[in-house]
Amino acid sequence: MHTLAMHQTVAMIAQEHHRAPSTPFTVASAHRVAQFHIACRAQRCPRKAAALEALATAGRLVPSTRHPR
């Protein structure tokens, strides 16, 4: 099984991993979360949305206006 497919399967099975964090992410943890949730859409995954927001706030990510995550 492809590595990305494995991550997708694990992420979809464990829905609690998609919940928004109780505290803001650090830049390092936001990077890890964004990479793990690569297959998720931020519009549907509060955890990825929080990670992308943390990266944008830190100046590490410029949100796309053409292709929403």
N, C-alpha and C. Protein backbone atom coordinates (compact mmCIF):
# COMPACT_ATOMS: atom_id res chain seq x y z
N MET A 1 0.85 -1.18 0.00
CA MET A 1 0.00 0.00 0.00
C MET A 1 0.90 1.24 0.00
N HIS A 2 0.54 2.22 -0.78
CA HIS A 2 1.29 3.47 -0.88
C HIS A 2 1.26 4.21 0.46
N THR A 3 2.35 4.86 0.81
CA THR A 3 2.46 5.55 2.09
C THR A 3 1.36 6.58 2.28
N LEU A 4 1.07 7.37 1.25
CA LEU A 4 0.02 8.37 1.35
C LEU A 4 -1.33 7.71 1.61
N ALA A 5 -1.59 6.62 0.95
CA ALA A 5 -2.85 5.90 1.16
C ALA A 5 -2.96 5.40 2.59
N MET A 6 -1.83 4.96 3.15
CA MET A 6 -1.84 4.49 4.54
C MET A 6 -2.18 5.64 5.48
N HIS A 7 -1.57 6.81 5.25
CA HIS A 7 -1.86 7.97 6.09
C HIS A 7 -3.32 8.37 5.97
N GLN A 8 -3.86 8.31 4.77
CA GLN A 8 -5.25 8.66 4.56
C GLN A 8 -6.16 7.69 5.31
N THR A 9 -5.86 6.43 5.23
CA THR A 9 -6.67 5.42 5.89
C THR A 9 -6.64 5.62 7.40
N VAL A 10 -5.47 5.81 7.95
CA VAL A 10 -5.34 6.01 9.39
C VAL A 10 -6.09 7.27 9.80
N ALA A 11 -5.93 8.34 9.06
CA ALA A 11 -6.57 9.60 9.40
C ALA A 11 -8.09 9.50 9.33
N MET A 12 -8.61 8.78 8.36
CA MET A 12 -10.05 8.66 8.23
C MET A 12 -10.65 7.75 9.31
N ILE A 13 -9.91 6.73 9.71
CA ILE A 13 -10.41 5.82 10.74
C ILE A 13 -10.46 6.52 12.09
N ALA A 14 -9.46 7.28 12.40
CA ALA A 14 -9.35 7.94 13.71
C ALA A 14 -9.87 9.38 13.60
N GLN A 15 -11.16 9.55 13.61
CA GLN A 15 -11.76 10.87 13.41
C GLN A 15 -11.35 11.89 14.47
N GLU A 16 -10.97 11.43 15.65
CA GLU A 16 -10.55 12.38 16.68
C GLU A 16 -9.29 13.14 16.27
N HIS A 17 -8.57 12.62 15.31
CA HIS A 17 -7.36 13.29 14.83
C HIS A 17 -7.69 14.47 13.92
N HIS A 18 -8.96 14.67 13.63
CA HIS A 18 -9.37 15.78 12.78
C HIS A 18 -9.93 16.94 13.60
N ARG A 19 -10.08 16.75 14.88
CA ARG A 19 -10.62 17.81 15.73
C ARG A 19 -9.64 18.97 15.85
N ALA A 20 -10.20 20.15 16.04
CA ALA A 20 -9.37 21.34 16.24
C ALA A 20 -8.60 21.19 17.56
N PRO A 21 -7.40 21.71 17.63
CA PRO A 21 -6.62 21.60 18.87
C PRO A 21 -7.18 22.52 19.95
N SER A 22 -6.93 22.16 21.19
CA SER A 22 -7.42 23.00 22.29
C SER A 22 -6.52 24.22 22.49
N THR A 23 -5.28 24.13 22.05
CA THR A 23 -4.36 25.27 22.10
C THR A 23 -3.73 25.44 20.72
N PRO A 24 -3.29 26.64 20.37
CA PRO A 24 -2.69 26.84 19.04
C PRO A 24 -1.44 25.99 18.85
N PHE A 25 -1.21 25.60 17.61
CA PHE A 25 -0.03 24.82 17.28
C PHE A 25 1.23 25.69 17.29
N THR A 26 2.35 25.07 17.63
CA THR A 26 3.65 25.71 17.40
C THR A 26 3.94 25.55 15.91
N VAL A 27 4.93 26.25 15.41
CA VAL A 27 5.28 26.13 13.99
C VAL A 27 5.70 24.69 13.68
N ALA A 28 6.50 24.10 14.53
CA ALA A 28 6.97 22.72 14.29
C ALA A 28 5.80 21.73 14.29
N SER A 29 4.91 21.84 15.25
CA SER A 29 3.78 20.91 15.28
C SER A 29 2.82 21.18 14.13
N ALA A 30 2.67 22.43 13.73
CA ALA A 30 1.81 22.76 12.59
C ALA A 30 2.33 22.12 11.31
N HIS A 31 3.65 22.12 11.13
CA HIS A 31 4.25 21.46 9.97
C HIS A 31 3.94 19.97 9.98
N ARG A 32 4.11 19.33 11.12
CA ARG A 32 3.84 17.88 11.22
C ARG A 32 2.37 17.58 10.92
N VAL A 33 1.47 18.37 11.50
CA VAL A 33 0.04 18.15 11.30
C VAL A 33 -0.33 18.37 9.84
N ALA A 34 0.16 19.43 9.24
CA ALA A 34 -0.15 19.70 7.84
C ALA A 34 0.35 18.58 6.93
N GLN A 35 1.51 18.04 7.23
CA GLN A 35 2.05 16.93 6.44
C GLN A 35 1.24 15.66 6.63
N PHE A 36 0.84 15.39 7.86
CA PHE A 36 0.05 14.18 8.13
C PHE A 36 -1.33 14.27 7.47
N HIS A 37 -1.90 15.46 7.48
CA HIS A 37 -3.24 15.67 6.94
C HIS A 37 -3.20 16.18 5.49
N ILE A 38 -2.18 15.79 4.76
CA ILE A 38 -2.00 16.27 3.39
C ILE A 38 -3.21 15.95 2.51
N ALA A 39 -3.86 14.85 2.76
CA ALA A 39 -5.00 14.44 1.94
C ALA A 39 -6.30 15.12 2.37
N CYS A 40 -6.31 15.76 3.51
CA CYS A 40 -7.51 16.43 4.01
C CYS A 40 -7.67 17.80 3.38
N ARG A 41 -8.89 18.24 3.27
CA ARG A 41 -9.18 19.61 2.86
C ARG A 41 -9.37 20.41 4.14
N ALA A 42 -8.73 21.55 4.22
CA ALA A 42 -8.82 22.38 5.43
C ALA A 42 -10.25 22.82 5.69
N GLN A 43 -11.04 22.91 4.65
CA GLN A 43 -12.44 23.29 4.81
C GLN A 43 -13.23 22.23 5.56
N ARG A 44 -12.75 20.99 5.54
CA ARG A 44 -13.46 19.89 6.21
C ARG A 44 -12.72 19.35 7.42
N CYS A 45 -11.46 19.74 7.59
CA CYS A 45 -10.63 19.21 8.68
C CYS A 45 -10.17 20.37 9.56
N PRO A 46 -10.82 20.57 10.71
CA PRO A 46 -10.45 21.68 11.59
C PRO A 46 -8.99 21.63 12.05
N ARG A 47 -8.44 20.44 12.17
CA ARG A 47 -7.05 20.31 12.61
C ARG A 47 -6.09 20.84 11.55
N LYS A 48 -6.31 20.48 10.29
CA LYS A 48 -5.46 21.00 9.23
C LYS A 48 -5.65 22.50 9.08
N ALA A 49 -6.88 22.97 9.21
CA ALA A 49 -7.14 24.41 9.12
C ALA A 49 -6.37 25.17 10.21
N ALA A 50 -6.34 24.63 11.42
CA ALA A 50 -5.60 25.26 12.52
C ALA A 50 -4.10 25.25 12.24
N ALA A 51 -3.61 24.16 11.67
CA ALA A 51 -2.18 24.07 11.34
C ALA A 51 -1.82 25.09 10.27
N LEU A 52 -2.63 25.19 9.24
CA LEU A 52 -2.34 26.15 8.17
C LEU A 52 -2.43 27.59 8.68
N GLU A 53 -3.37 27.84 9.57
CA GLU A 53 -3.49 29.17 10.17
C GLU A 53 -2.25 29.52 10.98
N ALA A 54 -1.75 28.56 11.74
CA ALA A 54 -0.53 28.79 12.54
C ALA A 54 0.66 29.07 11.62
N LEU A 55 0.77 28.34 10.53
CA LEU A 55 1.87 28.55 9.59
C LEU A 55 1.73 29.90 8.88
N ALA A 56 0.52 30.28 8.53
CA ALA A 56 0.30 31.58 7.89
C ALA A 56 0.61 32.72 8.85
N THR A 57 0.19 32.59 10.09
CA THR A 57 0.44 33.62 11.11
C THR A 57 1.94 33.78 11.34
N ALA A 58 2.68 32.67 11.28
CA ALA A 58 4.12 32.71 11.49
C ALA A 58 4.89 33.15 10.24
N GLY A 59 4.17 33.38 9.15
CA GLY A 59 4.82 33.79 7.92
C GLY A 59 5.47 32.65 7.16
N ARG A 60 5.13 31.42 7.49
CA ARG A 60 5.71 30.25 6.84
C ARG A 60 4.89 29.75 5.67
N LEU A 61 3.69 30.32 5.50
CA LEU A 61 2.79 29.88 4.45
C LEU A 61 2.00 31.08 3.95
N VAL A 62 1.91 31.21 2.66
CA VAL A 62 1.07 32.25 2.07
C VAL A 62 -0.14 31.53 1.46
N PRO A 63 -1.32 31.72 2.04
CA PRO A 63 -2.49 31.01 1.53
C PRO A 63 -2.77 31.35 0.07
N SER A 64 -3.13 30.33 -0.67
CA SER A 64 -3.45 30.50 -2.09
C SER A 64 -4.84 31.12 -2.23
N THR A 65 -4.96 32.06 -3.14
CA THR A 65 -6.28 32.62 -3.42
C THR A 65 -6.97 31.86 -4.53
N ARG A 66 -6.21 31.09 -5.30
CA ARG A 66 -6.77 30.33 -6.42
C ARG A 66 -7.22 28.94 -6.02
N HIS A 67 -6.44 28.28 -5.19
CA HIS A 67 -6.72 26.90 -4.83
C HIS A 67 -6.86 26.76 -3.32
N PRO A 68 -8.07 26.88 -2.80
CA PRO A 68 -8.24 26.74 -1.35
C PRO A 68 -7.88 25.34 -0.87
N ARG A 69 -7.29 25.27 0.28
CA ARG A 69 -6.90 23.98 0.83
C ARG A 69 -8.07 23.45 1.59
